[in-house]
């Protein structure tokens, strides 16, 4: 498999408005028609406090257009977002194998 290949061609992630998957939640998915490059347009930008990667390994960015600082959330992991991403996540996409490397099983 090519090093920049995506392990999953489909993916699903849930963003939550509180820690530990609590509060209001919004499901995002690859091929869903949602604007993952600017989640403000989905009425969810800068609201996420925690996230759960249902399928696929995801990268969250603190800027629109998949720019800025990024963090990886591995499939099956619930993660409380830290200061750089808490209520600052603006875009996201599936991670390539090069990007998550050994961080995800």
PDB file of N, CA and C in Angstrom:
ATOM      1  N   UNK A   1       0.853  -1.179   0.000  1.00  0.00           N
ATOM      2  CA  UNK A   1       0.000   0.000   0.000  1.00  0.00           C
ATOM      3  C   UNK A   1       0.893   1.234   0.000  1.00  0.00           C
ATOM      4  N   UNK A   2       0.554   2.208  -0.796  1.00  0.00           N
ATOM      5  CA  UNK A   2       1.319   3.454  -0.876  1.00  0.00           C
ATOM      6  C   UNK A   2       1.284   4.172   0.464  1.00  0.00           C
ATOM      7  N   UNK A   3       2.388   4.789   0.845  1.00  0.00           N
ATOM      8  CA  UNK A   3       2.513   5.409   2.163  1.00  0.00           C
ATOM      9  C   UNK A   3       1.499   6.508   2.417  1.00  0.00           C
ATOM     10  N   UNK A   4       1.054   7.208   1.378  1.00  0.00           N
ATOM     11  CA  UNK A   4       0.070   8.272   1.567  1.00  0.00           C
ATOM     12  C   UNK A   4      -1.359   7.778   1.391  1.00  0.00           C
ATOM     13  N   UNK A   5      -1.538   6.494   1.230  1.00  0.00           N
ATOM     14  CA  UNK A   5      -2.873   5.943   1.004  1.00  0.00           C
ATOM     15  C   UNK A   5      -3.724   6.054   2.271  1.00  0.00           C
ATOM     16  N   UNK A   6      -5.005   6.165   2.060  1.00  0.00           N
ATOM     17  CA  UNK A   6      -5.946   6.163   3.170  1.00  0.00           C
ATOM     18  C   UNK A   6      -6.285   4.720   3.494  1.00  0.00           C
ATOM     19  N   UNK A   7      -6.290   4.381   4.761  1.00  0.00           N
ATOM     20  CA  UNK A   7      -6.629   3.027   5.155  1.00  0.00           C
ATOM     21  C   UNK A   7      -8.115   2.774   4.923  1.00  0.00           C
ATOM     22  N   UNK A   8      -8.928   3.791   5.126  1.00  0.00           N
ATOM     23  CA  UNK A   8     -10.374   3.669   4.955  1.00  0.00           C
ATOM     24  C   UNK A   8     -10.823   4.610   3.846  1.00  0.00           C
ATOM     25  N   UNK A   9     -11.696   4.136   2.983  1.00  0.00           N
ATOM     26  CA  UNK A   9     -12.242   5.021   1.950  1.00  0.00           C
ATOM     27  C   UNK A   9     -13.521   5.682   2.431  1.00  0.00           C
ATOM     28  N   UNK A  10     -14.052   5.177   3.506  1.00  0.00           N
ATOM     29  CA  UNK A  10     -15.229   5.783   4.125  1.00  0.00           C
ATOM     30  C   UNK A  10     -14.893   6.039   5.582  1.00  0.00           C
ATOM     31  N   UNK A  11     -15.565   6.976   6.162  1.00  0.00           N
ATOM     32  CA  UNK A  11     -15.297   7.257   7.559  1.00  0.00           C
ATOM     33  C   UNK A  11     -16.465   7.966   8.204  1.00  0.00           C
ATOM     34  N   UNK A  12     -16.495   7.879   9.533  1.00  0.00           N
ATOM     35  CA  UNK A  12     -17.539   8.555  10.305  1.00  0.00           C
ATOM     36  C   UNK A  12     -16.939   8.987  11.626  1.00  0.00           C
ATOM     37  N   UNK A  13     -17.250  10.233  12.015  1.00  0.00           N
ATOM     38  CA  UNK A  13     -16.782  10.782  13.286  1.00  0.00           C
ATOM     39  C   UNK A  13     -17.929  11.565  13.911  1.00  0.00           C
ATOM     40  N   UNK A  14     -17.991  11.545  15.239  1.00  0.00           N
ATOM     41  CA  UNK A  14     -19.003  12.310  15.966  1.00  0.00           C
ATOM     42  C   UNK A  14     -18.287  13.355  16.809  1.00  0.00           C
ATOM     43  N   UNK A  15     -18.702  14.604  16.665  1.00  0.00           N
ATOM     44  CA  UNK A  15     -18.189  15.686  17.501  1.00  0.00           C
ATOM     45  C   UNK A  15     -19.222  15.999  18.575  1.00  0.00           C
ATOM     46  N   UNK A  16     -18.750  16.275  19.784  1.00  0.00           N
ATOM     47  CA  UNK A  16     -19.633  16.541  20.921  1.00  0.00           C
ATOM     48  C   UNK A  16     -19.320  17.915  21.518  1.00  0.00           C
ATOM     49  N   UNK A  17     -20.336  18.524  22.117  1.00  0.00           N
ATOM     50  CA  UNK A  17     -20.191  19.863  22.682  1.00  0.00           C
ATOM     51  C   UNK A  17     -19.699  19.867  24.128  1.00  0.00           C
ATOM     52  N   UNK A  18     -19.437  18.674  24.699  1.00  0.00           N
ATOM     53  CA  UNK A  18     -18.933  18.587  26.070  1.00  0.00           C
ATOM     54  C   UNK A  18     -17.912  17.456  26.144  1.00  0.00           C
ATOM     55  N   UNK A  19     -17.241  17.322  27.287  1.00  0.00           N
ATOM     56  CA  UNK A  19     -16.221  16.289  27.457  1.00  0.00           C
ATOM     57  C   UNK A  19     -16.844  14.893  27.495  1.00  0.00           C
ATOM     58  N   UNK A  20     -16.015  13.890  27.248  1.00  0.00           N
ATOM     59  CA  UNK A  20     -16.402  12.479  27.350  1.00  0.00           C
ATOM     60  C   UNK A  20     -17.624  12.112  26.519  1.00  0.00           C
ATOM     61  N   UNK A  21     -17.781  12.736  25.359  1.00  0.00           N
ATOM     62  CA  UNK A  21     -18.901  12.394  24.476  1.00  0.00           C
ATOM     63  C   UNK A  21     -20.249  12.845  24.998  1.00  0.00           C
ATOM     64  N   UNK A  22     -20.263  13.830  25.849  1.00  0.00           N
ATOM     65  CA  UNK A  22     -21.510  14.335  26.415  1.00  0.00           C
ATOM     66  C   UNK A  22     -21.954  15.580  25.641  1.00  0.00           C
ATOM     67  N   UNK A  23     -23.153  16.025  25.937  1.00  0.00           N
ATOM     68  CA  UNK A  23     -23.692  17.221  25.295  1.00  0.00           C
ATOM     69  C   UNK A  23     -24.240  16.913  23.915  1.00  0.00           C
ATOM     70  N   UNK A  24     -24.501  17.961  23.164  1.00  0.00           N
ATOM     71  CA  UNK A  24     -25.031  17.800  21.809  1.00  0.00           C
ATOM     72  C   UNK A  24     -23.968  17.146  20.937  1.00  0.00           C
ATOM     73  N   UNK A  25     -24.411  16.325  20.007  1.00  0.00           N
ATOM     74  CA  UNK A  25     -23.486  15.650  19.106  1.00  0.00           C
ATOM     75  C   UNK A  25     -23.877  15.871  17.658  1.00  0.00           C
ATOM     76  N   UNK A  26     -22.890  15.794  16.782  1.00  0.00           N
ATOM     77  CA  UNK A  26     -23.121  15.917  15.345  1.00  0.00           C
ATOM     78  C   UNK A  26     -22.270  14.866  14.652  1.00  0.00           C
ATOM     79  N   UNK A  27     -22.905  14.083  13.779  1.00  0.00           N
ATOM     80  CA  UNK A  27     -22.221  13.042  13.027  1.00  0.00           C
ATOM     81  C   UNK A  27     -21.739  13.623  11.705  1.00  0.00           C
ATOM     82  N   UNK A  28     -20.481  13.354  11.369  1.00  0.00           N
ATOM     83  CA  UNK A  28     -19.905  13.747  10.092  1.00  0.00           C
ATOM     84  C   UNK A  28     -19.392  12.489   9.401  1.00  0.00           C
ATOM     85  N   UNK A  29     -19.500  12.458   8.093  1.00  0.00           N
ATOM     86  CA  UNK A  29     -19.014  11.299   7.366  1.00  0.00           C
ATOM     87  C   UNK A  29     -18.438  11.651   6.009  1.00  0.00           C
ATOM     88  N   UNK A  30     -17.526  10.806   5.568  1.00  0.00           N
ATOM     89  CA  UNK A  30     -16.986  10.924   4.219  1.00  0.00           C
ATOM     90  C   UNK A  30     -18.100  10.554   3.252  1.00  0.00           C
ATOM     91  N   UNK A  31     -18.177  11.227   2.140  1.00  0.00           N
ATOM     92  CA  UNK A  31     -19.204  10.992   1.116  1.00  0.00           C
ATOM     93  C   UNK A  31     -20.610  11.289   1.620  1.00  0.00           C
ATOM     94  N   UNK A  32     -20.716  12.142   2.636  1.00  0.00           N
ATOM     95  CA  UNK A  32     -22.023  12.480   3.210  1.00  0.00           C
ATOM     96  C   UNK A  32     -22.604  13.745   2.581  1.00  0.00           C
ATOM     97  N   UNK A  33     -21.795  14.446   1.785  1.00  0.00           N
ATOM     98  CA  UNK A  33     -22.230  15.721   1.232  1.00  0.00           C
ATOM     99  C   UNK A  33     -21.989  16.884   2.184  1.00  0.00           C
ATOM    100  N   UNK A  34     -21.481  16.595   3.389  1.00  0.00           N
ATOM    101  CA  UNK A  34     -21.183  17.648   4.351  1.00  0.00           C
ATOM    102  C   UNK A  34     -19.889  18.351   3.968  1.00  0.00           C
ATOM    103  N   UNK A  35     -19.776  19.603   4.341  1.00  0.00           N
ATOM    104  CA  UNK A  35     -18.588  20.385   4.038  1.00  0.00           C
ATOM    105  C   UNK A  35     -17.568  20.180   5.155  1.00  0.00           C
ATOM    106  N   UNK A  36     -16.666  19.228   4.964  1.00  0.00           N
ATOM    107  CA  UNK A  36     -15.669  18.926   5.987  1.00  0.00           C
ATOM    108  C   UNK A  36     -14.497  19.902   5.963  1.00  0.00           C
ATOM    109  N   UNK A  37     -14.402  20.709   4.909  1.00  0.00           N
ATOM    110  CA  UNK A  37     -13.341  21.716   4.831  1.00  0.00           C
ATOM    111  C   UNK A  37     -13.703  22.982   5.601  1.00  0.00           C
ATOM    112  N   UNK A  38     -14.968  23.142   5.927  1.00  0.00           N
ATOM    113  CA  UNK A  38     -15.414  24.303   6.704  1.00  0.00           C
ATOM    114  C   UNK A  38     -16.678  23.897   7.451  1.00  0.00           C
ATOM    115  N   UNK A  39     -16.507  23.328   8.642  1.00  0.00           N
ATOM    116  CA  UNK A  39     -17.674  22.820   9.359  1.00  0.00           C
ATOM    117  C   UNK A  39     -18.522  23.926   9.980  1.00  0.00           C
ATOM    118  N   UNK A  40     -18.068  25.183   9.849  1.00  0.00           N
ATOM    119  CA  UNK A  40     -18.925  26.306  10.237  1.00  0.00           C
ATOM    120  C   UNK A  40     -20.184  26.296   9.371  1.00  0.00           C
ATOM    121  N   UNK A  41     -20.041  25.881   8.128  1.00  0.00           N
ATOM    122  CA  UNK A  41     -21.187  25.821   7.211  1.00  0.00           C
ATOM    123  C   UNK A  41     -22.163  24.710   7.588  1.00  0.00           C
ATOM    124  N   UNK A  42     -21.717  23.810   8.442  1.00  0.00           N
ATOM    125  CA  UNK A  42     -22.580  22.748   8.962  1.00  0.00           C
ATOM    126  C   UNK A  42     -23.114  23.135  10.345  1.00  0.00           C
ATOM    127  N   UNK A  43     -22.945  24.399  10.725  1.00  0.00           N
ATOM    128  CA  UNK A  43     -23.367  24.921  12.032  1.00  0.00           C
ATOM    129  C   UNK A  43     -22.672  24.208  13.185  1.00  0.00           C
ATOM    130  N   UNK A  44     -21.428  23.827  12.993  1.00  0.00           N
ATOM    131  CA  UNK A  44     -20.730  23.114  14.052  1.00  0.00           C
ATOM    132  C   UNK A  44     -19.303  23.620  14.277  1.00  0.00           C
ATOM    133  N   UNK A  45     -18.802  24.556  13.514  1.00  0.00           N
ATOM    134  CA  UNK A  45     -17.448  25.054  13.692  1.00  0.00           C
ATOM    135  C   UNK A  45     -17.233  25.669  15.059  1.00  0.00           C
ATOM    136  N   UNK A  46     -16.086  25.398  15.643  1.00  0.00           N
ATOM    137  CA  UNK A  46     -15.672  25.940  16.944  1.00  0.00           C
ATOM    138  C   UNK A  46     -16.597  25.542  18.096  1.00  0.00           C
ATOM    139  N   UNK A  47     -17.244  24.391  17.972  1.00  0.00           N
ATOM    140  CA  UNK A  47     -18.120  23.918  19.053  1.00  0.00           C
ATOM    141  C   UNK A  47     -17.627  22.634  19.701  1.00  0.00           C
ATOM    142  N   UNK A  48     -16.760  21.880  19.036  1.00  0.00           N
ATOM    143  CA  UNK A  48     -16.375  20.545  19.515  1.00  0.00           C
ATOM    144  C   UNK A  48     -15.492  20.624  20.757  1.00  0.00           C
ATOM    145  N   UNK A  49     -15.847  19.813  21.757  1.00  0.00           N
ATOM    146  CA  UNK A  49     -15.059  19.679  22.982  1.00  0.00           C
ATOM    147  C   UNK A  49     -14.495  18.261  23.083  1.00  0.00           C
ATOM    148  N   UNK A  50     -15.194  17.286  22.480  1.00  0.00           N
ATOM    149  CA  UNK A  50     -14.696  15.915  22.409  1.00  0.00           C
ATOM    150  C   UNK A  50     -15.139  15.307  21.085  1.00  0.00           C
ATOM    151  N   UNK A  51     -14.499  14.193  20.720  1.00  0.00           N
ATOM    152  CA  UNK A  51     -14.796  13.550  19.443  1.00  0.00           C
ATOM    153  C   UNK A  51     -14.639  12.048  19.576  1.00  0.00           C
ATOM    154  N   UNK A  52     -15.429  11.315  18.786  1.00  0.00           N
ATOM    155  CA  UNK A  52     -15.342   9.858  18.724  1.00  0.00           C
ATOM    156  C   UNK A  52     -15.233   9.439  17.266  1.00  0.00           C
ATOM    157  N   UNK A  53     -14.134   8.789  16.904  1.00  0.00           N
ATOM    158  CA  UNK A  53     -13.928   8.301  15.535  1.00  0.00           C
ATOM    159  C   UNK A  53     -14.593   6.934  15.402  1.00  0.00           C
ATOM    160  N   UNK A  54     -15.768   6.912  14.794  1.00  0.00           N
ATOM    161  CA  UNK A  54     -16.533   5.674  14.628  1.00  0.00           C
ATOM    162  C   UNK A  54     -15.856   4.769  13.605  1.00  0.00           C
ATOM    163  N   UNK A  55     -15.485   5.324  12.455  1.00  0.00           N
ATOM    164  CA  UNK A  55     -14.824   4.559  11.392  1.00  0.00           C
ATOM    165  C   UNK A  55     -13.749   5.435  10.768  1.00  0.00           C
ATOM    166  N   UNK A  56     -12.553   4.902  10.698  1.00  0.00           N
ATOM    167  CA  UNK A  56     -11.430   5.624  10.103  1.00  0.00           C
ATOM    168  C   UNK A  56     -10.653   6.418  11.138  1.00  0.00           C
ATOM    169  N   UNK A  57      -9.447   6.765  10.766  1.00  0.00           N
ATOM    170  CA  UNK A  57      -8.592   7.629  11.577  1.00  0.00           C
ATOM    171  C   UNK A  57      -8.727   9.033  11.005  1.00  0.00           C
ATOM    172  N   UNK A  58      -8.969  10.010  11.854  1.00  0.00           N
ATOM    173  CA  UNK A  58      -9.316  11.355  11.421  1.00  0.00           C
ATOM    174  C   UNK A  58      -8.273  12.377  11.842  1.00  0.00           C
ATOM    175  N   UNK A  59      -8.151  13.427  11.056  1.00  0.00           N
ATOM    176  CA  UNK A  59      -7.350  14.587  11.431  1.00  0.00           C
ATOM    177  C   UNK A  59      -8.303  15.765  11.582  1.00  0.00           C
ATOM    178  N   UNK A  60      -8.219  16.433  12.737  1.00  0.00           N
ATOM    179  CA  UNK A  60      -8.987  17.652  12.976  1.00  0.00           C
ATOM    180  C   UNK A  60      -8.030  18.835  12.872  1.00  0.00           C
ATOM    181  N   UNK A  61      -8.487  19.897  12.222  1.00  0.00           N
ATOM    182  CA  UNK A  61      -7.680  21.109  12.034  1.00  0.00           C
ATOM    183  C   UNK A  61      -8.351  22.276  12.754  1.00  0.00           C
ATOM    184  N   UNK A  62      -7.553  23.224  13.229  1.00  0.00           N
ATOM    185  CA  UNK A  62      -8.137  24.375  13.914  1.00  0.00           C
ATOM    186  C   UNK A  62      -8.323  25.562  12.973  1.00  0.00           C
ATOM    187  N   UNK A  63      -8.289  25.314  11.667  1.00  0.00           N
ATOM    188  CA  UNK A  63      -8.553  26.343  10.663  1.00  0.00           C
ATOM    189  C   UNK A  63      -9.409  25.762   9.544  1.00  0.00           C
ATOM    190  N   UNK A  64     -10.125  26.638   8.842  1.00  0.00           N
ATOM    191  CA  UNK A  64     -10.886  26.210   7.667  1.00  0.00           C
ATOM    192  C   UNK A  64      -9.925  25.713   6.593  1.00  0.00           C
ATOM    193  N   UNK A  65     -10.459  24.968   5.652  1.00  0.00           N
ATOM    194  CA  UNK A  65      -9.663  24.527   4.511  1.00  0.00           C
ATOM    195  C   UNK A  65      -8.601  23.508   4.856  1.00  0.00           C
ATOM    196  N   UNK A  66      -8.780  22.825   5.994  1.00  0.00           N
ATOM    197  CA  UNK A  66      -7.835  21.816   6.451  1.00  0.00           C
ATOM    198  C   UNK A  66      -6.426  22.390   6.589  1.00  0.00           C
ATOM    199  N   UNK A  67      -6.368  23.529   7.274  1.00  0.00           N
ATOM    200  CA  UNK A  67      -5.100  24.207   7.539  1.00  0.00           C
ATOM    201  C   UNK A  67      -4.953  24.408   9.046  1.00  0.00           C
ATOM    202  N   UNK A  68      -3.784  24.854   9.431  1.00  0.00           N
ATOM    203  CA  UNK A  68      -3.524  25.144  10.836  1.00  0.00           C
ATOM    204  C   UNK A  68      -3.018  23.924  11.573  1.00  0.00           C
ATOM    205  N   UNK A  69      -3.031  24.006  12.892  1.00  0.00           N
ATOM    206  CA  UNK A  69      -2.578  22.890  13.716  1.00  0.00           C
ATOM    207  C   UNK A  69      -3.538  21.729  13.551  1.00  0.00           C
ATOM    208  N   UNK A  70      -3.007  20.510  13.736  1.00  0.00           N
ATOM    209  CA  UNK A  70      -3.850  19.331  13.544  1.00  0.00           C
ATOM    210  C   UNK A  70      -3.602  18.299  14.634  1.00  0.00           C
ATOM    211  N   UNK A  71      -4.619  17.494  14.866  1.00  0.00           N
ATOM    212  CA  UNK A  71      -4.521  16.387  15.804  1.00  0.00           C
ATOM    213  C   UNK A  71      -5.178  15.167  15.165  1.00  0.00           C
ATOM    214  N   UNK A  72      -4.690  13.985  15.501  1.00  0.00           N
ATOM    215  CA  UNK A  72      -5.218  12.732  14.961  1.00  0.00           C
ATOM    216  C   UNK A  72      -6.107  12.062  15.998  1.00  0.00           C
ATOM    217  N   UNK A  73      -7.244  11.564  15.541  1.00  0.00           N
ATOM    218  CA  UNK A  73      -8.114  10.753  16.395  1.00  0.00           C
ATOM    219  C   UNK A  73      -8.258   9.399  15.711  1.00  0.00           C
ATOM    220  N   UNK A  74      -7.838   8.355  16.401  1.00  0.00           N
ATOM    221  CA  UNK A  74      -7.826   7.009  15.838  1.00  0.00           C
ATOM    222  C   UNK A  74      -9.206   6.358  15.926  1.00  0.00           C
ATOM    223  N   UNK A  75      -9.469   5.478  14.967  1.00  0.00           N
ATOM    224  CA  UNK A  75     -10.745   4.751  14.942  1.00  0.00           C
ATOM    225  C   UNK A  75     -10.993   4.073  16.282  1.00  0.00           C
ATOM    226  N   UNK A  76     -12.213   4.217  16.780  1.00  0.00           N
ATOM    227  CA  UNK A  76     -12.614   3.587  18.026  1.00  0.00           C
ATOM    228  C   UNK A  76     -12.236   4.358  19.278  1.00  0.00           C
ATOM    229  N   UNK A  77     -11.646   5.527  19.116  1.00  0.00           N
ATOM    230  CA  UNK A  77     -11.164   6.312  20.261  1.00  0.00           C
ATOM    231  C   UNK A  77     -12.076   7.510  20.518  1.00  0.00           C
ATOM    232  N   UNK A  78     -12.435   7.693  21.786  1.00  0.00           N
ATOM    233  CA  UNK A  78     -13.121   8.901  22.257  1.00  0.00           C
ATOM    234  C   UNK A  78     -12.028   9.803  22.809  1.00  0.00           C
ATOM    235  N   UNK A  79     -11.980  11.044  22.353  1.00  0.00           N
ATOM    236  CA  UNK A  79     -10.908  11.942  22.780  1.00  0.00           C
ATOM    237  C   UNK A  79     -11.474  13.293  23.189  1.00  0.00           C
ATOM    238  N   UNK A  80     -11.097  13.750  24.387  1.00  0.00           N
ATOM    239  CA  UNK A  80     -11.381  15.125  24.777  1.00  0.00           C
ATOM    240  C   UNK A  80     -10.337  15.996  24.094  1.00  0.00           C
ATOM    241  N   UNK A  81     -10.776  17.051  23.467  1.00  0.00           N
ATOM    242  CA  UNK A  81      -9.874  17.917  22.713  1.00  0.00           C
ATOM    243  C   UNK A  81      -9.167  18.882  23.656  1.00  0.00           C
ATOM    244  N   UNK A  82      -7.883  19.117  23.404  1.00  0.00           N
ATOM    245  CA  UNK A  82      -7.116  20.020  24.269  1.00  0.00           C
ATOM    246  C   UNK A  82      -7.266  21.464  23.808  1.00  0.00           C
ATOM    247  N   UNK A  83      -6.543  22.347  24.415  1.00  0.00           N
ATOM    248  CA  UNK A  83      -6.688  23.783  24.199  1.00  0.00           C
ATOM    249  C   UNK A  83      -6.584  24.252  22.761  1.00  0.00           C
ATOM    250  N   UNK A  84      -5.734  23.614  21.943  1.00  0.00           N
ATOM    251  CA  UNK A  84      -5.580  24.038  20.558  1.00  0.00           C
ATOM    252  C   UNK A  84      -6.773  23.662  19.686  1.00  0.00           C
ATOM    253  N   UNK A  85      -7.604  22.734  20.138  1.00  0.00           N
ATOM    254  CA  UNK A  85      -8.727  22.246  19.332  1.00  0.00           C
ATOM    255  C   UNK A  85     -10.067  22.407  20.026  1.00  0.00           C
ATOM    256  N   UNK A  86     -10.048  22.524  21.351  1.00  0.00           N
ATOM    257  CA  UNK A  86     -11.303  22.654  22.097  1.00  0.00           C
ATOM    258  C   UNK A  86     -12.018  23.918  21.652  1.00  0.00           C
ATOM    259  N   UNK A  87     -13.184  23.738  21.100  1.00  0.00           N
ATOM    260  CA  UNK A  87     -14.007  24.819  20.563  1.00  0.00           C
ATOM    261  C   UNK A  87     -13.258  25.631  19.500  1.00  0.00           C
ATOM    262  N   UNK A  88     -12.309  24.976  18.815  1.00  0.00           N
ATOM    263  CA  UNK A  88     -11.561  25.639  17.752  1.00  0.00           C
ATOM    264  C   UNK A  88     -11.499  24.804  16.480  1.00  0.00           C
ATOM    265  N   UNK A  89     -12.048  23.590  16.491  1.00  0.00           N
ATOM    266  CA  UNK A  89     -11.992  22.732  15.312  1.00  0.00           C
ATOM    267  C   UNK A  89     -12.860  23.313  14.205  1.00  0.00           C
ATOM    268  N   UNK A  90     -12.247  23.486  13.023  1.00  0.00           N
ATOM    269  CA  UNK A  90     -12.944  24.124  11.905  1.00  0.00           C
ATOM    270  C   UNK A  90     -13.030  23.259  10.660  1.00  0.00           C
ATOM    271  N   UNK A  91     -12.160  22.249  10.544  1.00  0.00           N
ATOM    272  CA  UNK A  91     -12.204  21.367   9.383  1.00  0.00           C
ATOM    273  C   UNK A  91     -11.591  20.024   9.750  1.00  0.00           C
ATOM    274  N   UNK A  92     -11.810  19.015   8.893  1.00  0.00           N
ATOM    275  CA  UNK A  92     -11.312  17.671   9.190  1.00  0.00           C
ATOM    276  C   UNK A  92     -11.307  16.825   7.928  1.00  0.00           C
ATOM    277  N   UNK A  93     -10.599  15.707   8.008  1.00  0.00           N
ATOM    278  CA  UNK A  93     -10.584  14.720   6.927  1.00  0.00           C
ATOM    279  C   UNK A  93     -10.013  13.424   7.467  1.00  0.00           C
ATOM    280  N   UNK A  94     -10.144  12.357   6.661  1.00  0.00           N
ATOM    281  CA  UNK A  94      -9.502  11.102   7.015  1.00  0.00           C
ATOM    282  C   UNK A  94      -7.990  11.280   6.970  1.00  0.00           C
ATOM    283  N   UNK A  95      -7.295  10.585   7.840  1.00  0.00           N
ATOM    284  CA  UNK A  95      -5.838  10.662   7.903  1.00  0.00           C
ATOM    285  C   UNK A  95      -5.214   9.651   6.949  1.00  0.00           C
ATOM    286  N   UNK A  96      -4.063  10.006   6.386  1.00  0.00           N
ATOM    287  CA  UNK A  96      -3.286   9.051   5.607  1.00  0.00           C
ATOM    288  C   UNK A  96      -2.439   8.224   6.560  1.00  0.00           C
ATOM    289  N   UNK A  97      -1.950   7.100   6.091  1.00  0.00           N
ATOM    290  CA  UNK A  97      -1.109   6.236   6.920  1.00  0.00           C
ATOM    291  C   UNK A  97       0.132   6.993   7.371  1.00  0.00           C
ATOM    292  N   UNK A  98       0.719   7.805   6.496  1.00  0.00           N
ATOM    293  CA  UNK A  98       1.893   8.608   6.871  1.00  0.00           C
ATOM    294  C   UNK A  98       1.592   9.553   8.027  1.00  0.00           C
ATOM    295  N   UNK A  99       0.383  10.059   8.090  1.00  0.00           N
ATOM    296  CA  UNK A  99       0.055  11.067   9.100  1.00  0.00           C
ATOM    297  C   UNK A  99      -0.194  10.489  10.472  1.00  0.00           C
ATOM    298  N   UNK A 100      -0.737   9.276  10.561  1.00  0.00           N
ATOM    299  CA  UNK A 100      -0.974   8.741  11.900  1.00  0.00           C
ATOM    300  C   UNK A 100       0.052   7.693  12.300  1.00  0.00           C
ATOM    301  N   UNK A 101       0.716   7.090  11.330  1.00  0.00           N
ATOM    302  CA  UNK A 101       1.803   6.147  11.608  1.00  0.00           C
ATOM    303  C   UNK A 101       1.472   5.180  12.727  1.00  0.00           C
ATOM    304  N   UNK A 102       2.339   5.113  13.708  1.00  0.00           N
ATOM    305  CA  UNK A 102       2.175   4.156  14.806  1.00  0.00           C
ATOM    306  C   UNK A 102       1.223   4.657  15.887  1.00  0.00           C
ATOM    307  N   UNK A 103       0.662   5.864  15.738  1.00  0.00           N
ATOM    308  CA  UNK A 103      -0.256   6.392  16.753  1.00  0.00           C
ATOM    309  C   UNK A 103      -1.567   5.628  16.778  1.00  0.00           C
ATOM    310  N   UNK A 104      -1.927   5.026  15.655  1.00  0.00           N
ATOM    311  CA  UNK A 104      -3.184   4.273  15.578  1.00  0.00           C
ATOM    312  C   UNK A 104      -2.866   2.821  15.282  1.00  0.00           C
ATOM    313  N   UNK A 105      -3.603   1.909  15.914  1.00  0.00           N
ATOM    314  CA  UNK A 105      -3.362   0.467  15.675  1.00  0.00           C
ATOM    315  C   UNK A 105      -3.724   0.064  14.260  1.00  0.00           C
TER     316      UNK A 105
END
